[in-house]
N, C-alpha and C. Protein backbone atom coordinates (compact mmCIF):
# COMPACT_ATOMS: atom_id res chain seq x y z
N MET A 1 -77.84 -67.13 63.46
CA MET A 1 -78.67 -68.23 63.99
C MET A 1 -77.76 -69.31 64.47
N THR A 2 -77.87 -69.74 65.74
CA THR A 2 -77.00 -70.73 66.35
C THR A 2 -77.55 -72.12 66.03
N ALA A 3 -76.59 -73.05 65.97
CA ALA A 3 -76.99 -74.43 65.68
C ALA A 3 -77.54 -75.08 66.91
N GLY A 4 -78.47 -76.00 66.77
CA GLY A 4 -79.07 -76.70 67.90
C GLY A 4 -78.13 -77.70 68.50
N PRO A 5 -78.51 -78.30 69.58
CA PRO A 5 -77.64 -79.28 70.24
C PRO A 5 -77.39 -80.51 69.36
N ALA A 6 -76.20 -81.04 69.52
CA ALA A 6 -75.85 -82.21 68.71
C ALA A 6 -76.60 -83.44 69.30
N LEU A 7 -77.22 -84.19 68.48
CA LEU A 7 -78.01 -85.38 68.86
C LEU A 7 -77.18 -86.62 68.67
N SER A 8 -76.94 -87.31 69.81
CA SER A 8 -76.08 -88.55 69.75
C SER A 8 -76.89 -89.79 69.51
N ALA A 9 -78.21 -89.73 69.76
CA ALA A 9 -79.06 -90.89 69.57
C ALA A 9 -79.23 -91.17 68.09
N PRO A 10 -79.14 -92.40 67.71
CA PRO A 10 -79.37 -92.71 66.30
C PRO A 10 -80.78 -92.41 65.88
N ARG A 11 -80.94 -92.07 64.57
CA ARG A 11 -82.24 -91.69 64.10
C ARG A 11 -83.24 -92.79 64.23
N ARG A 12 -82.79 -94.05 64.18
CA ARG A 12 -83.74 -95.14 64.26
C ARG A 12 -84.40 -95.28 65.63
N ASP A 13 -83.81 -94.68 66.61
CA ASP A 13 -84.39 -94.76 67.94
C ASP A 13 -85.69 -93.93 67.98
N GLY A 14 -85.88 -93.12 66.98
CA GLY A 14 -87.15 -92.39 66.86
C GLY A 14 -87.16 -91.01 67.53
N PHE A 15 -88.28 -90.44 67.36
CA PHE A 15 -88.48 -89.04 67.84
C PHE A 15 -88.44 -88.92 69.32
N ASP A 16 -89.00 -89.90 70.02
CA ASP A 16 -89.09 -89.82 71.51
C ASP A 16 -87.74 -89.73 72.12
N THR A 17 -86.79 -90.56 71.62
CA THR A 17 -85.43 -90.53 72.21
C THR A 17 -84.81 -89.15 72.01
N ALA A 18 -84.93 -88.62 70.80
CA ALA A 18 -84.35 -87.29 70.54
C ALA A 18 -85.01 -86.21 71.35
N TYR A 19 -86.32 -86.30 71.49
CA TYR A 19 -87.08 -85.25 72.26
C TYR A 19 -86.61 -85.28 73.73
N THR A 20 -86.46 -86.55 74.24
CA THR A 20 -86.04 -86.66 75.67
C THR A 20 -84.63 -86.08 75.83
N GLN A 21 -83.75 -86.28 74.87
CA GLN A 21 -82.42 -85.75 74.96
C GLN A 21 -82.42 -84.20 74.93
N VAL A 22 -83.24 -83.62 74.03
CA VAL A 22 -83.37 -82.19 73.96
C VAL A 22 -83.90 -81.58 75.21
N ARG A 23 -84.91 -82.19 75.76
CA ARG A 23 -85.52 -81.68 77.00
C ARG A 23 -84.50 -81.73 78.13
N GLY A 24 -83.53 -82.60 78.02
CA GLY A 24 -82.56 -82.73 79.08
C GLY A 24 -81.45 -81.68 79.02
N GLU A 25 -81.39 -80.92 77.92
CA GLU A 25 -80.37 -79.88 77.83
C GLU A 25 -80.70 -78.71 78.74
N SER A 26 -79.74 -78.29 79.55
CA SER A 26 -80.00 -77.18 80.50
C SER A 26 -79.86 -75.80 79.85
N ASP A 27 -79.28 -75.77 78.65
CA ASP A 27 -79.09 -74.49 77.99
C ASP A 27 -80.35 -73.97 77.27
N ILE A 28 -81.34 -74.81 77.18
CA ILE A 28 -82.55 -74.49 76.47
C ILE A 28 -83.66 -74.20 77.48
N GLN A 29 -84.35 -73.06 77.34
CA GLN A 29 -85.42 -72.69 78.26
C GLN A 29 -86.75 -73.10 77.62
N PHE A 30 -87.48 -73.91 78.37
CA PHE A 30 -88.78 -74.37 77.86
C PHE A 30 -89.93 -73.69 78.58
N ALA A 31 -89.74 -73.27 79.87
CA ALA A 31 -90.80 -72.64 80.60
C ALA A 31 -90.69 -71.12 80.42
N PRO A 32 -91.86 -70.41 80.26
CA PRO A 32 -91.81 -68.97 80.08
C PRO A 32 -91.29 -68.29 81.38
N SER A 33 -90.54 -67.16 81.16
CA SER A 33 -90.00 -66.37 82.29
C SER A 33 -90.58 -64.98 82.25
N PHE A 34 -91.21 -64.55 83.31
CA PHE A 34 -91.83 -63.23 83.39
C PHE A 34 -91.01 -62.31 84.31
N ALA A 35 -91.00 -61.00 83.95
CA ALA A 35 -90.28 -60.02 84.77
C ALA A 35 -90.94 -59.88 86.14
N LYS A 36 -90.13 -59.62 87.12
CA LYS A 36 -90.63 -59.48 88.46
C LYS A 36 -91.42 -58.15 88.54
N PRO A 37 -92.63 -58.20 89.03
CA PRO A 37 -93.41 -56.98 89.13
C PRO A 37 -92.75 -55.99 90.09
N PRO A 38 -92.88 -54.66 89.79
CA PRO A 38 -92.22 -53.67 90.67
C PRO A 38 -92.83 -53.69 92.06
N ASP A 39 -92.00 -53.30 93.00
CA ASP A 39 -92.45 -53.23 94.39
C ASP A 39 -93.50 -52.10 94.52
N PRO A 40 -94.48 -52.26 95.28
CA PRO A 40 -95.49 -51.18 95.48
C PRO A 40 -94.82 -49.96 96.11
N PRO A 41 -95.31 -48.74 95.77
CA PRO A 41 -94.68 -47.53 96.36
C PRO A 41 -94.90 -47.54 97.85
N PRO A 42 -94.02 -46.78 98.56
CA PRO A 42 -94.17 -46.71 99.98
C PRO A 42 -95.46 -46.01 100.39
N GLU A 43 -95.86 -46.23 101.59
CA GLU A 43 -97.12 -45.66 102.03
C GLU A 43 -97.09 -44.14 102.04
N TRP A 44 -95.95 -43.54 102.35
CA TRP A 44 -95.90 -42.09 102.39
C TRP A 44 -96.08 -41.47 101.02
N TRP A 45 -95.61 -42.15 99.97
CA TRP A 45 -95.79 -41.65 98.61
C TRP A 45 -97.29 -41.71 98.23
N SER A 46 -97.92 -42.75 98.65
CA SER A 46 -99.40 -42.85 98.39
C SER A 46 -100.13 -41.73 99.08
N ASP A 47 -99.69 -41.42 100.28
CA ASP A 47 -100.33 -40.34 101.03
C ASP A 47 -100.12 -38.98 100.31
N VAL A 48 -98.89 -38.78 99.79
CA VAL A 48 -98.56 -37.49 99.11
C VAL A 48 -99.41 -37.35 97.86
N THR A 49 -99.48 -38.39 97.03
CA THR A 49 -100.28 -38.35 95.81
C THR A 49 -101.73 -38.15 96.07
N ARG A 50 -102.21 -38.77 97.11
CA ARG A 50 -103.60 -38.60 97.49
C ARG A 50 -103.86 -37.15 97.92
N TRP A 51 -102.93 -36.58 98.69
CA TRP A 51 -103.10 -35.19 99.14
C TRP A 51 -103.06 -34.22 97.97
N LEU A 52 -102.12 -34.45 97.05
CA LEU A 52 -102.06 -33.57 95.89
C LEU A 52 -103.27 -33.61 95.04
N SER A 53 -103.84 -34.82 94.85
CA SER A 53 -105.08 -34.92 94.10
C SER A 53 -106.25 -34.20 94.81
N GLU A 54 -106.26 -34.26 96.13
CA GLU A 54 -107.32 -33.60 96.86
C GLU A 54 -107.18 -32.05 96.80
N VAL A 55 -105.90 -31.57 96.85
CA VAL A 55 -105.67 -30.08 96.85
C VAL A 55 -105.72 -29.52 95.47
N LEU A 56 -104.99 -30.13 94.54
CA LEU A 56 -104.87 -29.60 93.20
C LEU A 56 -106.06 -29.85 92.35
N GLY A 57 -106.84 -30.82 92.65
CA GLY A 57 -108.04 -31.12 91.87
C GLY A 57 -109.00 -29.95 91.86
N PRO A 58 -109.43 -29.47 92.99
CA PRO A 58 -110.35 -28.30 93.04
C PRO A 58 -109.66 -27.05 92.50
N LEU A 59 -108.34 -26.91 92.73
CA LEU A 59 -107.65 -25.73 92.19
C LEU A 59 -107.61 -25.75 90.66
N ALA A 60 -107.39 -26.93 90.08
CA ALA A 60 -107.43 -27.04 88.63
C ALA A 60 -108.79 -26.73 88.09
N GLN A 61 -109.79 -27.19 88.77
CA GLN A 61 -111.16 -26.90 88.35
C GLN A 61 -111.46 -25.41 88.41
N ALA A 62 -111.01 -24.78 89.50
CA ALA A 62 -111.24 -23.30 89.63
C ALA A 62 -110.50 -22.56 88.56
N LEU A 63 -109.25 -22.97 88.26
CA LEU A 63 -108.51 -22.29 87.21
C LEU A 63 -109.14 -22.48 85.87
N SER A 64 -109.67 -23.67 85.62
CA SER A 64 -110.32 -23.92 84.35
C SER A 64 -111.56 -23.05 84.22
N ALA A 65 -112.31 -22.86 85.28
CA ALA A 65 -113.53 -22.07 85.22
C ALA A 65 -113.18 -20.59 85.03
N SER A 66 -112.13 -20.14 85.67
CA SER A 66 -111.78 -18.67 85.60
C SER A 66 -110.74 -18.35 84.55
N TRP A 67 -110.41 -19.29 83.71
CA TRP A 67 -109.36 -19.06 82.69
C TRP A 67 -109.65 -17.92 81.75
N PRO A 68 -110.86 -17.73 81.26
CA PRO A 68 -111.14 -16.61 80.34
C PRO A 68 -110.74 -15.26 80.94
N VAL A 69 -111.13 -15.05 82.24
CA VAL A 69 -110.75 -13.80 82.90
C VAL A 69 -109.25 -13.78 83.23
N LEU A 70 -108.73 -14.90 83.74
CA LEU A 70 -107.34 -14.96 84.10
C LEU A 70 -106.45 -14.72 82.89
N SER A 71 -106.80 -15.27 81.73
CA SER A 71 -105.97 -15.10 80.52
C SER A 71 -105.90 -13.65 80.13
N LYS A 72 -106.98 -12.91 80.29
CA LYS A 72 -107.00 -11.49 79.96
C LYS A 72 -106.11 -10.70 80.91
N LEU A 73 -106.17 -11.08 82.20
CA LEU A 73 -105.31 -10.43 83.19
C LEU A 73 -103.82 -10.67 82.92
N LEU A 74 -103.51 -11.96 82.56
CA LEU A 74 -102.12 -12.24 82.25
C LEU A 74 -101.67 -11.53 81.00
N LEU A 75 -102.54 -11.44 80.03
CA LEU A 75 -102.17 -10.68 78.80
C LEU A 75 -101.92 -9.21 79.12
N GLY A 76 -102.80 -8.63 79.96
CA GLY A 76 -102.62 -7.23 80.34
C GLY A 76 -101.30 -7.03 81.08
N ALA A 77 -101.01 -7.98 81.98
CA ALA A 77 -99.72 -7.89 82.76
C ALA A 77 -98.52 -7.96 81.79
N LEU A 78 -98.66 -8.84 80.80
CA LEU A 78 -97.58 -8.98 79.80
C LEU A 78 -97.37 -7.66 79.00
N VAL A 79 -98.49 -7.08 78.60
CA VAL A 79 -98.41 -5.81 77.85
C VAL A 79 -97.76 -4.74 78.69
N VAL A 80 -98.19 -4.64 79.94
CA VAL A 80 -97.60 -3.61 80.84
C VAL A 80 -96.14 -3.86 81.06
N GLY A 81 -95.75 -5.11 81.24
CA GLY A 81 -94.34 -5.45 81.41
C GLY A 81 -93.53 -5.07 80.21
N VAL A 82 -94.02 -5.39 78.99
CA VAL A 82 -93.28 -5.04 77.77
C VAL A 82 -93.18 -3.55 77.63
N ALA A 83 -94.27 -2.82 77.94
CA ALA A 83 -94.23 -1.33 77.84
C ALA A 83 -93.25 -0.76 78.80
N ALA A 84 -93.20 -1.31 80.03
CA ALA A 84 -92.18 -0.80 81.03
C ALA A 84 -90.78 -1.09 80.58
N LEU A 85 -90.58 -2.23 80.01
CA LEU A 85 -89.24 -2.57 79.53
C LEU A 85 -88.82 -1.63 78.37
N LEU A 86 -89.74 -1.35 77.48
CA LEU A 86 -89.38 -0.44 76.37
C LEU A 86 -89.14 0.96 76.88
N TRP A 87 -89.90 1.38 77.89
CA TRP A 87 -89.67 2.71 78.43
C TRP A 87 -88.32 2.83 79.08
N VAL A 88 -87.90 1.77 79.83
CA VAL A 88 -86.58 1.78 80.44
C VAL A 88 -85.48 1.87 79.36
N ILE A 89 -85.67 1.21 78.22
CA ILE A 89 -84.69 1.21 77.17
C ILE A 89 -84.68 2.52 76.42
N LEU A 90 -85.87 3.06 76.12
CA LEU A 90 -85.97 4.23 75.28
C LEU A 90 -85.96 5.53 75.99
N ALA A 91 -86.16 5.51 77.31
CA ALA A 91 -86.23 6.78 78.07
C ALA A 91 -84.99 7.68 77.87
N PRO A 92 -83.79 7.15 77.94
CA PRO A 92 -82.60 8.01 77.75
C PRO A 92 -82.62 8.66 76.32
N TYR A 93 -83.03 7.91 75.34
CA TYR A 93 -83.05 8.47 73.97
C TYR A 93 -84.12 9.50 73.82
N ILE A 94 -85.25 9.28 74.48
CA ILE A 94 -86.35 10.28 74.40
C ILE A 94 -85.93 11.58 75.10
N ALA A 95 -85.27 11.44 76.24
CA ALA A 95 -84.80 12.63 76.99
C ALA A 95 -83.80 13.40 76.16
N ASP A 96 -82.86 12.64 75.50
CA ASP A 96 -81.86 13.32 74.61
C ASP A 96 -82.55 14.05 73.49
N TRP A 97 -83.55 13.39 72.87
CA TRP A 97 -84.25 14.02 71.75
C TRP A 97 -84.98 15.26 72.20
N ARG A 98 -85.60 15.24 73.36
CA ARG A 98 -86.31 16.45 73.87
C ARG A 98 -85.31 17.57 74.14
N GLU A 99 -84.16 17.17 74.70
CA GLU A 99 -83.16 18.27 74.97
C GLU A 99 -82.65 18.87 73.65
N ARG A 100 -82.43 18.04 72.68
CA ARG A 100 -81.98 18.57 71.37
C ARG A 100 -83.01 19.44 70.75
N ARG A 101 -84.31 19.03 70.85
CA ARG A 101 -85.38 19.82 70.29
C ARG A 101 -85.51 21.14 70.97
N ALA A 102 -85.32 21.16 72.33
CA ALA A 102 -85.43 22.40 73.07
C ALA A 102 -84.32 23.37 72.66
N VAL A 103 -83.09 22.78 72.42
CA VAL A 103 -82.04 23.60 72.01
C VAL A 103 -82.25 24.15 70.63
N ALA A 104 -82.83 23.29 69.73
CA ALA A 104 -83.02 23.71 68.32
C ALA A 104 -84.10 24.82 68.23
N THR A 105 -85.05 24.80 69.14
CA THR A 105 -86.13 25.81 69.02
C THR A 105 -85.86 27.10 69.77
N ALA A 106 -84.72 27.07 70.57
CA ALA A 106 -84.35 28.30 71.28
C ALA A 106 -83.69 29.24 70.27
N ASP A 107 -84.37 30.32 69.97
CA ASP A 107 -83.85 31.22 68.92
C ASP A 107 -82.72 32.03 69.43
N TRP A 108 -81.90 32.52 68.52
CA TRP A 108 -80.77 33.44 68.83
C TRP A 108 -81.15 34.85 68.42
N ALA A 109 -80.79 35.77 69.31
CA ALA A 109 -80.99 37.20 68.98
C ALA A 109 -79.91 37.94 69.79
N PRO A 110 -79.30 38.96 69.19
CA PRO A 110 -78.28 39.72 69.94
C PRO A 110 -78.92 40.58 71.00
N ASP A 111 -78.15 40.90 71.99
CA ASP A 111 -78.59 41.83 73.04
C ASP A 111 -78.77 43.22 72.41
N ARG A 112 -79.90 43.87 72.73
CA ARG A 112 -80.24 45.14 72.07
C ARG A 112 -79.20 46.21 72.35
N ALA A 113 -78.69 46.27 73.56
CA ALA A 113 -77.71 47.29 73.89
C ALA A 113 -76.43 47.02 73.12
N GLN A 114 -76.02 45.77 73.08
CA GLN A 114 -74.80 45.41 72.31
C GLN A 114 -75.04 45.67 70.81
N ALA A 115 -76.26 45.46 70.30
CA ALA A 115 -76.55 45.68 68.90
C ALA A 115 -76.41 47.17 68.58
N ARG A 116 -76.91 48.03 69.46
CA ARG A 116 -76.83 49.50 69.23
C ARG A 116 -75.34 49.90 69.23
N LYS A 117 -74.54 49.36 70.18
CA LYS A 117 -73.13 49.70 70.24
C LYS A 117 -72.42 49.26 69.00
N LEU A 118 -72.78 48.03 68.50
CA LEU A 118 -72.16 47.52 67.29
C LEU A 118 -72.46 48.38 66.07
N LEU A 119 -73.73 48.83 65.99
CA LEU A 119 -74.13 49.69 64.88
C LEU A 119 -73.34 51.05 64.93
N GLU A 120 -73.11 51.54 66.13
CA GLU A 120 -72.34 52.79 66.28
C GLU A 120 -70.94 52.59 65.75
N GLU A 121 -70.29 51.46 66.09
CA GLU A 121 -68.93 51.19 65.64
C GLU A 121 -68.91 51.02 64.14
N ALA A 122 -69.92 50.34 63.58
CA ALA A 122 -69.94 50.10 62.14
C ALA A 122 -70.24 51.42 61.42
N ASP A 123 -71.11 52.25 61.97
CA ASP A 123 -71.40 53.57 61.37
C ASP A 123 -70.15 54.46 61.33
N ALA A 124 -69.34 54.35 62.37
CA ALA A 124 -68.12 55.11 62.39
C ALA A 124 -67.20 54.77 61.24
N LEU A 125 -67.13 53.42 60.93
CA LEU A 125 -66.32 52.99 59.81
C LEU A 125 -66.94 53.46 58.48
N ALA A 126 -68.27 53.34 58.45
CA ALA A 126 -68.93 53.73 57.20
C ALA A 126 -68.79 55.21 56.94
N ALA A 127 -68.74 56.02 58.02
CA ALA A 127 -68.56 57.48 57.84
C ALA A 127 -67.21 57.77 57.16
N GLN A 128 -66.28 56.86 57.27
CA GLN A 128 -65.01 57.03 56.64
C GLN A 128 -64.97 56.31 55.27
N GLU A 129 -66.15 55.91 54.84
CA GLU A 129 -66.33 55.17 53.61
C GLU A 129 -65.57 53.87 53.58
N ARG A 130 -65.41 53.28 54.76
CA ARG A 130 -64.85 51.94 54.92
C ARG A 130 -65.98 50.93 55.03
N PHE A 131 -66.76 50.91 53.93
CA PHE A 131 -68.01 50.09 53.92
C PHE A 131 -67.76 48.57 54.08
N ASP A 132 -66.65 48.12 53.43
CA ASP A 132 -66.31 46.70 53.49
C ASP A 132 -66.04 46.30 54.98
N GLU A 133 -65.26 47.12 55.66
CA GLU A 133 -64.93 46.84 57.06
C GLU A 133 -66.18 46.94 57.93
N ALA A 134 -67.04 47.87 57.65
CA ALA A 134 -68.28 48.04 58.44
C ALA A 134 -69.17 46.83 58.33
N ALA A 135 -69.38 46.33 57.10
CA ALA A 135 -70.23 45.19 56.92
C ALA A 135 -69.61 43.92 57.50
N HIS A 136 -68.29 43.81 57.32
CA HIS A 136 -67.59 42.65 57.90
C HIS A 136 -67.67 42.66 59.40
N LEU A 137 -67.63 43.88 60.03
CA LEU A 137 -67.72 43.94 61.50
C LEU A 137 -69.12 43.42 61.98
N LEU A 138 -70.18 43.80 61.28
CA LEU A 138 -71.51 43.33 61.63
C LEU A 138 -71.56 41.81 61.58
N LEU A 139 -71.00 41.25 60.49
CA LEU A 139 -71.07 39.82 60.32
C LEU A 139 -70.22 39.09 61.32
N TYR A 140 -68.98 39.59 61.56
CA TYR A 140 -68.05 38.94 62.45
C TYR A 140 -68.58 38.94 63.90
N ARG A 141 -69.09 40.07 64.35
CA ARG A 141 -69.59 40.18 65.74
C ARG A 141 -70.82 39.31 65.88
N SER A 142 -71.63 39.18 64.88
CA SER A 142 -72.85 38.35 64.96
C SER A 142 -72.45 36.88 65.10
N ILE A 143 -71.46 36.45 64.34
CA ILE A 143 -70.99 35.06 64.45
C ILE A 143 -70.37 34.81 65.83
N GLU A 144 -69.66 35.80 66.35
CA GLU A 144 -69.13 35.66 67.72
C GLU A 144 -70.26 35.49 68.73
N ASP A 145 -71.33 36.26 68.58
CA ASP A 145 -72.46 36.17 69.48
C ASP A 145 -73.10 34.81 69.42
N ILE A 146 -73.25 34.30 68.22
CA ILE A 146 -73.88 32.98 68.06
C ILE A 146 -72.96 31.91 68.70
N ALA A 147 -71.67 32.08 68.55
CA ALA A 147 -70.70 31.08 69.11
C ALA A 147 -70.83 31.05 70.64
N VAL A 148 -71.18 32.19 71.25
CA VAL A 148 -71.33 32.24 72.74
C VAL A 148 -72.71 31.68 73.15
N LYS A 149 -73.76 32.09 72.44
CA LYS A 149 -75.12 31.74 72.89
C LYS A 149 -75.61 30.43 72.33
N ARG A 150 -75.15 30.08 71.16
CA ARG A 150 -75.56 28.77 70.55
C ARG A 150 -74.35 28.02 70.01
N PRO A 151 -73.44 27.63 70.91
CA PRO A 151 -72.17 26.99 70.42
C PRO A 151 -72.41 25.69 69.71
N GLU A 152 -73.55 25.04 69.97
CA GLU A 152 -73.77 23.77 69.31
C GLU A 152 -74.06 23.89 67.83
N LEU A 153 -74.35 25.08 67.36
CA LEU A 153 -74.66 25.30 65.95
C LEU A 153 -73.44 25.40 65.06
N LEU A 154 -72.31 25.79 65.64
CA LEU A 154 -71.14 26.16 64.80
C LEU A 154 -70.08 25.08 64.86
N ARG A 155 -69.38 24.94 63.75
CA ARG A 155 -68.22 24.06 63.63
C ARG A 155 -67.11 24.94 63.06
N PRO A 156 -65.86 24.50 63.18
CA PRO A 156 -64.76 25.31 62.65
C PRO A 156 -64.89 25.62 61.18
N SER A 157 -65.56 24.72 60.45
CA SER A 157 -65.65 24.92 58.99
C SER A 157 -66.96 25.62 58.57
N THR A 158 -67.79 25.99 59.53
CA THR A 158 -69.07 26.60 59.17
C THR A 158 -68.84 27.97 58.51
N THR A 159 -69.54 28.22 57.41
CA THR A 159 -69.42 29.50 56.70
C THR A 159 -70.61 30.37 57.01
N ALA A 160 -70.47 31.68 56.71
CA ALA A 160 -71.51 32.59 56.95
C ALA A 160 -72.76 32.25 56.14
N ARG A 161 -72.59 31.77 54.93
CA ARG A 161 -73.73 31.36 54.08
C ARG A 161 -74.49 30.21 54.71
N GLU A 162 -73.71 29.24 55.28
CA GLU A 162 -74.32 28.13 55.97
C GLU A 162 -75.11 28.55 57.22
N ILE A 163 -74.56 29.52 57.93
CA ILE A 163 -75.28 30.03 59.10
C ILE A 163 -76.59 30.69 58.66
N GLY A 164 -76.60 31.38 57.50
CA GLY A 164 -77.81 31.99 57.01
C GLY A 164 -78.84 30.98 56.61
N ALA A 165 -78.49 29.70 56.52
CA ALA A 165 -79.49 28.68 56.17
C ALA A 165 -79.88 27.80 57.33
N PHE A 166 -79.35 28.09 58.53
CA PHE A 166 -79.71 27.27 59.71
C PHE A 166 -81.19 27.36 60.00
N GLU A 167 -81.84 26.18 60.08
CA GLU A 167 -83.24 26.13 60.47
C GLU A 167 -83.44 26.48 61.93
N ALA A 168 -82.36 26.32 62.72
CA ALA A 168 -82.47 26.61 64.19
C ALA A 168 -82.57 28.09 64.44
N LEU A 169 -82.25 28.93 63.44
CA LEU A 169 -82.37 30.41 63.58
C LEU A 169 -83.71 30.84 63.02
N SER A 170 -84.19 31.96 63.51
CA SER A 170 -85.45 32.49 63.09
C SER A 170 -85.34 32.97 61.64
N ALA A 171 -86.48 33.18 61.02
CA ALA A 171 -86.51 33.69 59.65
C ALA A 171 -85.82 35.07 59.55
N ARG A 172 -86.02 35.92 60.59
CA ARG A 172 -85.40 37.27 60.60
C ARG A 172 -83.88 37.13 60.64
N ALA A 173 -83.37 36.19 61.52
CA ALA A 173 -81.90 36.01 61.60
C ALA A 173 -81.34 35.51 60.31
N ARG A 174 -82.00 34.51 59.69
CA ARG A 174 -81.49 33.96 58.41
C ARG A 174 -81.53 35.03 57.35
N SER A 175 -82.57 35.87 57.31
CA SER A 175 -82.62 36.88 56.30
C SER A 175 -81.50 37.95 56.48
N ALA A 176 -81.27 38.35 57.72
CA ALA A 176 -80.19 39.33 58.00
C ALA A 176 -78.80 38.76 57.60
N PHE A 177 -78.62 37.49 58.00
CA PHE A 177 -77.34 36.84 57.70
C PHE A 177 -77.11 36.76 56.19
N SER A 178 -78.17 36.37 55.50
CA SER A 178 -78.05 36.18 54.04
C SER A 178 -77.66 37.51 53.37
N VAL A 179 -78.27 38.61 53.80
CA VAL A 179 -77.97 39.89 53.16
C VAL A 179 -76.52 40.32 53.48
N ILE A 180 -76.19 40.27 54.77
CA ILE A 180 -74.85 40.78 55.15
C ILE A 180 -73.77 39.85 54.56
N ALA A 181 -73.97 38.51 54.65
CA ALA A 181 -72.98 37.55 54.17
C ALA A 181 -72.80 37.74 52.65
N GLY A 182 -73.88 37.99 51.92
CA GLY A 182 -73.80 38.20 50.48
C GLY A 182 -72.88 39.37 50.15
N HIS A 183 -73.06 40.46 50.84
CA HIS A 183 -72.25 41.64 50.57
C HIS A 183 -70.76 41.41 50.95
N VAL A 184 -70.57 40.77 52.13
CA VAL A 184 -69.20 40.53 52.57
C VAL A 184 -68.47 39.57 51.63
N GLU A 185 -69.16 38.52 51.19
CA GLU A 185 -68.52 37.59 50.24
C GLU A 185 -68.18 38.25 48.92
N ALA A 186 -69.08 39.11 48.41
CA ALA A 186 -68.79 39.83 47.20
C ALA A 186 -67.57 40.72 47.36
N SER A 187 -67.46 41.33 48.52
CA SER A 187 -66.28 42.17 48.75
C SER A 187 -65.01 41.37 48.92
N PHE A 188 -65.12 40.26 49.68
CA PHE A 188 -63.90 39.49 50.01
C PHE A 188 -63.43 38.61 48.88
N PHE A 189 -64.37 37.87 48.25
CA PHE A 189 -63.98 36.89 47.22
C PHE A 189 -64.02 37.50 45.80
N ALA A 190 -65.00 38.30 45.56
CA ALA A 190 -65.08 38.85 44.20
C ALA A 190 -64.28 40.16 44.07
N ARG A 191 -63.74 40.61 45.17
CA ARG A 191 -62.94 41.83 45.18
C ARG A 191 -63.74 43.07 44.60
N ARG A 192 -64.99 43.10 45.00
CA ARG A 192 -65.83 44.26 44.60
C ARG A 192 -66.08 45.08 45.85
N PRO A 193 -65.43 46.20 45.98
CA PRO A 193 -65.60 47.02 47.18
C PRO A 193 -67.09 47.42 47.30
N LEU A 194 -67.56 47.43 48.55
CA LEU A 194 -68.93 47.81 48.77
C LEU A 194 -69.10 49.32 48.67
N ASP A 195 -70.22 49.74 48.11
CA ASP A 195 -70.54 51.18 48.03
C ASP A 195 -71.55 51.49 49.15
N ARG A 196 -71.96 52.73 49.17
CA ARG A 196 -72.90 53.21 50.19
C ARG A 196 -74.18 52.40 50.17
N GLN A 197 -74.69 52.12 48.97
CA GLN A 197 -75.97 51.38 48.87
C GLN A 197 -75.84 49.98 49.50
N ALA A 198 -74.76 49.29 49.17
CA ALA A 198 -74.59 47.95 49.72
C ALA A 198 -74.44 47.98 51.24
N TRP A 199 -73.72 48.96 51.72
CA TRP A 199 -73.61 49.10 53.21
C TRP A 199 -74.95 49.39 53.83
N ASP A 200 -75.70 50.35 53.27
CA ASP A 200 -77.04 50.67 53.79
C ASP A 200 -77.90 49.42 53.85
N SER A 201 -77.81 48.58 52.82
CA SER A 201 -78.58 47.35 52.78
C SER A 201 -78.20 46.39 53.96
N SER A 202 -76.89 46.26 54.17
CA SER A 202 -76.41 45.39 55.24
C SER A 202 -76.83 45.94 56.59
N ARG A 203 -76.67 47.29 56.78
CA ARG A 203 -77.01 47.87 58.05
C ARG A 203 -78.51 47.73 58.36
N GLU A 204 -79.34 48.00 57.38
CA GLU A 204 -80.75 47.90 57.63
C GLU A 204 -81.16 46.49 57.96
N ALA A 205 -80.57 45.48 57.29
CA ALA A 205 -80.88 44.11 57.56
C ALA A 205 -80.54 43.76 58.99
N TYR A 206 -79.42 44.20 59.47
CA TYR A 206 -79.00 43.91 60.87
C TYR A 206 -79.88 44.68 61.84
N ARG A 207 -80.14 45.98 61.57
CA ARG A 207 -80.94 46.77 62.45
C ARG A 207 -82.38 46.23 62.59
N ALA A 208 -82.95 45.85 61.46
CA ALA A 208 -84.33 45.35 61.50
C ALA A 208 -84.41 44.06 62.32
N PHE A 209 -83.41 43.24 62.19
CA PHE A 209 -83.41 41.99 62.98
C PHE A 209 -83.08 42.19 64.45
N ALA A 210 -82.01 42.94 64.72
CA ALA A 210 -81.52 43.06 66.11
C ALA A 210 -82.36 44.01 66.95
N LEU A 211 -82.94 45.05 66.35
CA LEU A 211 -83.68 46.07 67.14
C LEU A 211 -85.20 45.95 66.92
N ASP A 212 -85.63 46.02 65.71
CA ASP A 212 -87.08 45.93 65.48
C ASP A 212 -87.60 44.53 65.86
N GLY A 213 -86.84 43.47 65.62
CA GLY A 213 -87.31 42.14 65.90
C GLY A 213 -86.98 41.67 67.28
N GLY A 214 -86.29 42.51 68.08
CA GLY A 214 -85.85 42.07 69.38
C GLY A 214 -86.93 42.15 70.38
């Protein structure tokens, strides 16, 4: 708070003298001061605002009246747009999934002529009582055939027992593999030579799958 002007008139001269001196100070504002009113807008601006009110007024009323229908159309357009965007994003994944599914459902089966030739070769070994080699030949050639026709199923570490459990193979193929692989593993790992009965079991499993099921 600033101090008021210094009064040089003696107090005894009274209030009038002091008041006259205060009124004479130029640093004190006694009359109210009002801000200058803004200049009126140019005539062209008035014309523009008048035109906008004439054009947009009926348009706003029409939009207000048709908003229930328009809102549904906009919502439908939004849903279609979102669906189209999702399709663009997901389409490659869907195509890949369909391709994988088609591959998974395509069953494997050996060529019948090759199967007969393979049985002849295996029978020749069995005739010499080389039952282990005969069963192993059936298994090995079958794995080779799968590697050619269904390469996506096999890995370097895939075992015959794992192949016999593949869901991508038919039940006949899995059953044949399980029988033959069981005999070959017993011969190879357990060191139990196969006899005629074990060989006949392996041969019949392969024949039933490759020829009767072909």
